[in-house]
């Protein structure tokens, strides 16, 4: 049986890429939940407020304040955007990544 390690242990040990470390921290910080948060199933995350994310959050974790830059990085790591319902241009953005699951940082190594 695999031993679970805490997110902070995996992040602090340096076995997780800097980008994924920052993304995990951003998603774990309660103050960011109005803008971005884990989906209820923990297997994807949702951007609730693009303007708020760009204005208040991204620059705290990354060298950008543009969602488009974050999306480029996400694509490089295999994250994929879940399509929004047809015609709903104001739908929240949801990204589902391979092996990036809430409370399972050991999958990143």
N, C-alpha and C. Protein backbone atom coordinates (compact mmCIF):
# COMPACT_ATOMS: atom_id res chain seq x y z
N UNK A 1 0.84 -1.18 0.00
CA UNK A 1 0.00 0.00 0.00
C UNK A 1 0.89 1.24 0.00
N UNK A 2 0.55 2.20 -0.88
CA UNK A 2 1.34 3.43 -0.98
C UNK A 2 1.11 4.30 0.25
N UNK A 3 2.17 4.96 0.65
CA UNK A 3 2.08 5.86 1.79
C UNK A 3 1.77 7.26 1.29
N UNK A 4 0.72 7.85 1.81
CA UNK A 4 0.39 9.22 1.45
C UNK A 4 1.32 10.17 2.18
N UNK A 5 1.77 11.19 1.47
CA UNK A 5 2.55 12.24 2.10
C UNK A 5 1.73 13.51 2.02
N UNK A 6 1.96 14.41 2.92
CA UNK A 6 1.18 15.65 2.90
C UNK A 6 1.63 16.53 1.75
N UNK A 7 0.75 17.42 1.34
CA UNK A 7 1.07 18.36 0.27
C UNK A 7 2.28 19.18 0.65
N UNK A 8 2.33 19.65 1.89
CA UNK A 8 3.46 20.49 2.29
C UNK A 8 4.76 19.69 2.29
N UNK A 9 4.72 18.41 2.64
CA UNK A 9 5.93 17.59 2.61
C UNK A 9 6.44 17.44 1.19
N UNK A 10 5.54 17.13 0.25
CA UNK A 10 5.95 16.97 -1.15
C UNK A 10 6.46 18.27 -1.72
N UNK A 11 5.79 19.36 -1.41
CA UNK A 11 6.21 20.65 -1.93
C UNK A 11 7.54 21.07 -1.32
N UNK A 12 7.68 20.93 -0.01
CA UNK A 12 8.91 21.34 0.66
C UNK A 12 10.11 20.48 0.31
N UNK A 13 9.86 19.23 -0.10
CA UNK A 13 10.97 18.33 -0.41
C UNK A 13 11.62 18.65 -1.75
N UNK A 14 10.94 19.46 -2.58
CA UNK A 14 11.52 19.84 -3.86
C UNK A 14 11.30 18.83 -4.95
N UNK A 15 10.47 17.81 -4.72
CA UNK A 15 10.25 16.79 -5.74
C UNK A 15 9.16 17.19 -6.73
N UNK A 16 8.53 18.32 -6.51
CA UNK A 16 7.45 18.79 -7.36
C UNK A 16 7.94 20.05 -8.08
N UNK A 17 7.61 20.20 -9.38
CA UNK A 17 8.07 21.37 -10.13
C UNK A 17 7.58 22.65 -9.48
N UNK A 18 8.31 23.71 -9.69
CA UNK A 18 7.98 25.01 -9.11
C UNK A 18 6.59 25.46 -9.55
N UNK A 19 6.26 25.28 -10.82
CA UNK A 19 4.95 25.69 -11.31
C UNK A 19 3.84 24.94 -10.58
N UNK A 20 3.97 23.63 -10.44
CA UNK A 20 2.93 22.84 -9.77
C UNK A 20 2.87 23.17 -8.28
N UNK A 21 4.01 23.46 -7.68
CA UNK A 21 4.01 23.89 -6.28
C UNK A 21 3.18 25.15 -6.10
N UNK A 22 3.44 26.12 -6.96
CA UNK A 22 2.72 27.40 -6.87
C UNK A 22 1.23 27.21 -7.13
N UNK A 23 0.90 26.38 -8.09
CA UNK A 23 -0.50 26.12 -8.41
C UNK A 23 -1.20 25.47 -7.22
N UNK A 24 -0.56 24.47 -6.61
CA UNK A 24 -1.13 23.82 -5.43
C UNK A 24 -1.35 24.82 -4.31
N UNK A 25 -0.35 25.68 -4.07
CA UNK A 25 -0.48 26.67 -3.00
C UNK A 25 -1.62 27.65 -3.30
N UNK A 26 -1.72 28.10 -4.55
CA UNK A 26 -2.77 29.03 -4.92
C UNK A 26 -4.15 28.39 -4.70
N UNK A 27 -4.30 27.13 -5.10
CA UNK A 27 -5.58 26.45 -4.94
C UNK A 27 -5.89 26.13 -3.48
N UNK A 28 -4.88 26.01 -2.67
CA UNK A 28 -5.08 25.66 -1.26
C UNK A 28 -5.36 26.87 -0.37
N UNK A 29 -5.06 28.05 -0.86
CA UNK A 29 -5.22 29.26 -0.05
C UNK A 29 -6.69 29.69 -0.06
N UNK A 30 -7.27 29.72 1.12
CA UNK A 30 -8.70 30.01 1.26
C UNK A 30 -9.09 31.38 0.70
N UNK A 31 -8.22 32.35 0.80
CA UNK A 31 -8.53 33.70 0.31
C UNK A 31 -8.73 33.75 -1.20
N UNK A 32 -8.27 32.74 -1.91
CA UNK A 32 -8.39 32.72 -3.38
C UNK A 32 -9.67 32.05 -3.87
N UNK A 33 -10.43 31.47 -3.00
CA UNK A 33 -11.57 30.64 -3.40
C UNK A 33 -12.66 31.40 -4.15
N UNK A 34 -12.73 32.70 -4.01
CA UNK A 34 -13.71 33.47 -4.78
C UNK A 34 -13.32 33.53 -6.25
N UNK A 35 -12.03 33.32 -6.53
CA UNK A 35 -11.50 33.43 -7.89
C UNK A 35 -11.19 32.07 -8.51
N UNK A 36 -10.64 31.16 -7.70
CA UNK A 36 -10.21 29.86 -8.21
C UNK A 36 -10.28 28.86 -7.06
N UNK A 37 -10.73 27.64 -7.37
CA UNK A 37 -10.82 26.63 -6.31
C UNK A 37 -10.87 25.24 -6.93
N UNK A 38 -10.65 24.26 -6.08
CA UNK A 38 -10.81 22.87 -6.50
C UNK A 38 -12.27 22.60 -6.80
N UNK A 39 -12.55 21.75 -7.76
CA UNK A 39 -13.91 21.27 -8.00
C UNK A 39 -14.26 20.36 -6.83
N UNK A 40 -15.54 20.16 -6.57
CA UNK A 40 -15.93 19.31 -5.43
C UNK A 40 -15.31 17.92 -5.44
N UNK A 41 -15.08 17.34 -6.62
CA UNK A 41 -14.50 16.00 -6.68
C UNK A 41 -12.99 15.99 -6.48
N UNK A 42 -12.35 17.16 -6.47
CA UNK A 42 -10.92 17.27 -6.25
C UNK A 42 -10.06 16.84 -7.42
N UNK A 43 -10.67 16.54 -8.56
CA UNK A 43 -9.92 16.07 -9.72
C UNK A 43 -9.76 17.12 -10.81
N UNK A 44 -10.23 18.31 -10.53
CA UNK A 44 -10.07 19.43 -11.44
C UNK A 44 -10.18 20.71 -10.61
N UNK A 45 -9.91 21.83 -11.24
CA UNK A 45 -10.11 23.09 -10.54
C UNK A 45 -10.86 24.04 -11.45
N UNK A 46 -11.49 25.03 -10.83
CA UNK A 46 -12.39 25.94 -11.53
C UNK A 46 -11.95 27.38 -11.32
N UNK A 47 -11.92 28.14 -12.40
CA UNK A 47 -11.70 29.58 -12.33
C UNK A 47 -13.08 30.21 -12.31
N UNK A 48 -13.44 30.82 -11.19
CA UNK A 48 -14.76 31.40 -11.00
C UNK A 48 -14.83 32.84 -11.50
N UNK A 49 -13.73 33.57 -11.36
CA UNK A 49 -13.73 35.00 -11.65
C UNK A 49 -12.39 35.37 -12.28
N UNK A 50 -12.36 35.42 -13.62
CA UNK A 50 -11.12 35.70 -14.34
C UNK A 50 -10.57 37.07 -13.97
N UNK A 51 -11.44 38.09 -13.96
CA UNK A 51 -10.98 39.45 -13.65
C UNK A 51 -10.38 39.52 -12.25
N UNK A 52 -11.04 38.91 -11.28
CA UNK A 52 -10.53 38.90 -9.92
C UNK A 52 -9.23 38.13 -9.79
N UNK A 53 -9.15 37.00 -10.49
CA UNK A 53 -7.93 36.18 -10.47
C UNK A 53 -6.76 36.98 -11.01
N UNK A 54 -6.99 37.68 -12.13
CA UNK A 54 -5.92 38.47 -12.74
C UNK A 54 -5.55 39.68 -11.87
N UNK A 55 -6.52 40.31 -11.27
CA UNK A 55 -6.26 41.53 -10.50
C UNK A 55 -5.69 41.27 -9.12
N UNK A 56 -6.06 40.16 -8.48
CA UNK A 56 -5.73 39.98 -7.07
C UNK A 56 -4.87 38.77 -6.73
N UNK A 57 -4.74 37.81 -7.63
CA UNK A 57 -4.15 36.54 -7.20
C UNK A 57 -2.95 36.09 -8.02
N UNK A 58 -3.04 36.07 -9.34
CA UNK A 58 -1.98 35.46 -10.15
C UNK A 58 -0.60 36.01 -9.85
N UNK A 59 -0.48 37.32 -9.74
CA UNK A 59 0.84 37.93 -9.52
C UNK A 59 1.46 37.54 -8.18
N UNK A 60 0.67 37.05 -7.26
CA UNK A 60 1.20 36.61 -5.97
C UNK A 60 1.93 35.27 -6.08
N UNK A 61 1.62 34.51 -7.13
CA UNK A 61 2.18 33.16 -7.27
C UNK A 61 3.05 33.01 -8.52
N UNK A 62 2.76 33.78 -9.56
CA UNK A 62 3.44 33.63 -10.84
C UNK A 62 3.95 34.99 -11.31
N UNK A 63 4.81 34.96 -12.31
CA UNK A 63 5.36 36.21 -12.86
C UNK A 63 4.44 36.78 -13.93
N UNK A 64 3.15 36.71 -13.70
CA UNK A 64 2.18 37.23 -14.65
C UNK A 64 0.90 37.59 -13.91
N UNK A 65 0.09 38.39 -14.56
CA UNK A 65 -1.24 38.64 -14.04
C UNK A 65 -2.29 38.36 -15.12
N UNK A 66 -1.91 37.59 -16.13
CA UNK A 66 -2.79 37.25 -17.24
C UNK A 66 -3.14 35.76 -17.22
N UNK A 67 -4.43 35.48 -17.28
CA UNK A 67 -4.87 34.09 -17.30
C UNK A 67 -4.32 33.36 -18.53
N UNK A 68 -4.21 34.04 -19.65
CA UNK A 68 -3.71 33.39 -20.87
C UNK A 68 -2.30 32.82 -20.66
N UNK A 69 -1.47 33.50 -19.89
CA UNK A 69 -0.12 32.99 -19.60
C UNK A 69 -0.19 31.74 -18.72
N UNK A 70 -1.08 31.77 -17.73
CA UNK A 70 -1.27 30.60 -16.88
C UNK A 70 -1.77 29.42 -17.70
N UNK A 71 -2.70 29.67 -18.60
CA UNK A 71 -3.26 28.59 -19.43
C UNK A 71 -2.17 27.97 -20.31
N UNK A 72 -1.27 28.78 -20.85
CA UNK A 72 -0.15 28.23 -21.64
C UNK A 72 0.69 27.27 -20.80
N UNK A 73 0.98 27.67 -19.57
CA UNK A 73 1.74 26.80 -18.67
C UNK A 73 0.95 25.53 -18.36
N UNK A 74 -0.33 25.68 -18.09
CA UNK A 74 -1.18 24.52 -17.80
C UNK A 74 -1.13 23.54 -18.97
N UNK A 75 -1.23 24.04 -20.18
CA UNK A 75 -1.19 23.18 -21.36
C UNK A 75 0.12 22.41 -21.45
N UNK A 76 1.22 23.07 -21.09
CA UNK A 76 2.54 22.41 -21.12
C UNK A 76 2.60 21.24 -20.15
N UNK A 77 1.83 21.29 -19.08
CA UNK A 77 1.81 20.22 -18.08
C UNK A 77 0.68 19.22 -18.31
N UNK A 78 0.00 19.33 -19.45
CA UNK A 78 -1.02 18.35 -19.79
C UNK A 78 -2.41 18.65 -19.26
N UNK A 79 -2.61 19.82 -18.68
CA UNK A 79 -3.94 20.21 -18.21
C UNK A 79 -4.80 20.50 -19.43
N UNK A 80 -6.07 20.17 -19.36
CA UNK A 80 -7.00 20.45 -20.44
C UNK A 80 -8.22 21.17 -19.92
N UNK A 81 -8.68 22.16 -20.69
CA UNK A 81 -9.86 22.92 -20.32
C UNK A 81 -11.09 22.08 -20.65
N UNK A 82 -12.01 21.99 -19.69
CA UNK A 82 -13.27 21.31 -19.91
C UNK A 82 -14.17 22.26 -20.70
N UNK A 83 -14.72 21.80 -21.80
CA UNK A 83 -15.57 22.70 -22.61
C UNK A 83 -16.77 23.22 -21.83
N UNK A 84 -17.08 24.50 -22.05
CA UNK A 84 -18.26 25.07 -21.39
C UNK A 84 -19.49 24.79 -22.27
N UNK A 85 -20.66 24.85 -21.68
CA UNK A 85 -21.88 24.61 -22.46
C UNK A 85 -21.97 25.55 -23.67
N UNK A 86 -22.47 25.05 -24.77
CA UNK A 86 -22.57 25.83 -26.01
C UNK A 86 -23.30 27.14 -25.75
N UNK A 87 -22.70 28.23 -26.19
CA UNK A 87 -23.33 29.54 -26.09
C UNK A 87 -23.15 30.22 -24.74
N UNK A 88 -22.63 29.53 -23.75
CA UNK A 88 -22.47 30.13 -22.42
C UNK A 88 -21.05 30.68 -22.30
N UNK A 89 -20.86 31.89 -22.79
CA UNK A 89 -19.53 32.50 -22.79
C UNK A 89 -19.10 32.97 -21.42
N UNK A 90 -20.01 33.00 -20.45
CA UNK A 90 -19.68 33.44 -19.10
C UNK A 90 -19.54 32.28 -18.14
N UNK A 91 -19.49 31.07 -18.66
CA UNK A 91 -19.35 29.89 -17.80
C UNK A 91 -17.99 29.92 -17.12
N UNK A 92 -17.90 29.31 -15.96
CA UNK A 92 -16.63 29.20 -15.27
C UNK A 92 -15.70 28.30 -16.09
N UNK A 93 -14.41 28.54 -15.98
CA UNK A 93 -13.42 27.72 -16.68
C UNK A 93 -13.01 26.59 -15.75
N UNK A 94 -13.01 25.38 -16.27
CA UNK A 94 -12.59 24.23 -15.48
C UNK A 94 -11.44 23.53 -16.18
N UNK A 95 -10.41 23.20 -15.41
CA UNK A 95 -9.23 22.53 -15.94
C UNK A 95 -9.06 21.19 -15.25
N UNK A 96 -8.88 20.16 -16.05
CA UNK A 96 -8.65 18.83 -15.48
C UNK A 96 -7.26 18.36 -15.88
N UNK A 97 -6.45 18.12 -14.91
CA UNK A 97 -5.06 17.72 -15.16
C UNK A 97 -4.84 16.23 -14.93
N UNK A 98 -3.82 15.68 -15.55
CA UNK A 98 -3.44 14.30 -15.22
C UNK A 98 -2.64 14.31 -13.92
N UNK A 99 -2.97 13.42 -13.01
CA UNK A 99 -2.21 13.23 -11.76
C UNK A 99 -2.07 14.50 -10.92
N UNK A 100 -3.05 15.37 -10.95
CA UNK A 100 -3.04 16.57 -10.12
C UNK A 100 -4.37 16.58 -9.39
N UNK A 101 -4.37 16.02 -8.20
CA UNK A 101 -5.61 15.80 -7.46
C UNK A 101 -5.45 16.40 -6.07
N UNK A 102 -6.51 17.06 -5.62
CA UNK A 102 -6.50 17.69 -4.30
C UNK A 102 -6.09 16.66 -3.24
N UNK A 103 -5.20 17.06 -2.34
CA UNK A 103 -4.73 16.25 -1.22
C UNK A 103 -3.96 15.00 -1.65
N UNK A 104 -3.45 14.97 -2.89
CA UNK A 104 -2.67 13.82 -3.37
C UNK A 104 -1.38 14.28 -4.06
N UNK A 105 -0.55 15.07 -3.39
CA UNK A 105 0.66 15.59 -4.04
C UNK A 105 1.66 14.51 -4.42
N UNK A 106 1.58 13.35 -3.80
CA UNK A 106 2.52 12.28 -4.15
C UNK A 106 2.35 11.81 -5.60
N UNK A 107 1.19 12.09 -6.21
CA UNK A 107 0.98 11.72 -7.61
C UNK A 107 1.78 12.59 -8.56
N UNK A 108 2.29 13.71 -8.09
CA UNK A 108 3.05 14.62 -8.93
C UNK A 108 4.49 14.19 -9.13
N UNK A 109 4.97 13.31 -8.33
CA UNK A 109 6.38 12.93 -8.41
C UNK A 109 6.64 11.84 -9.41
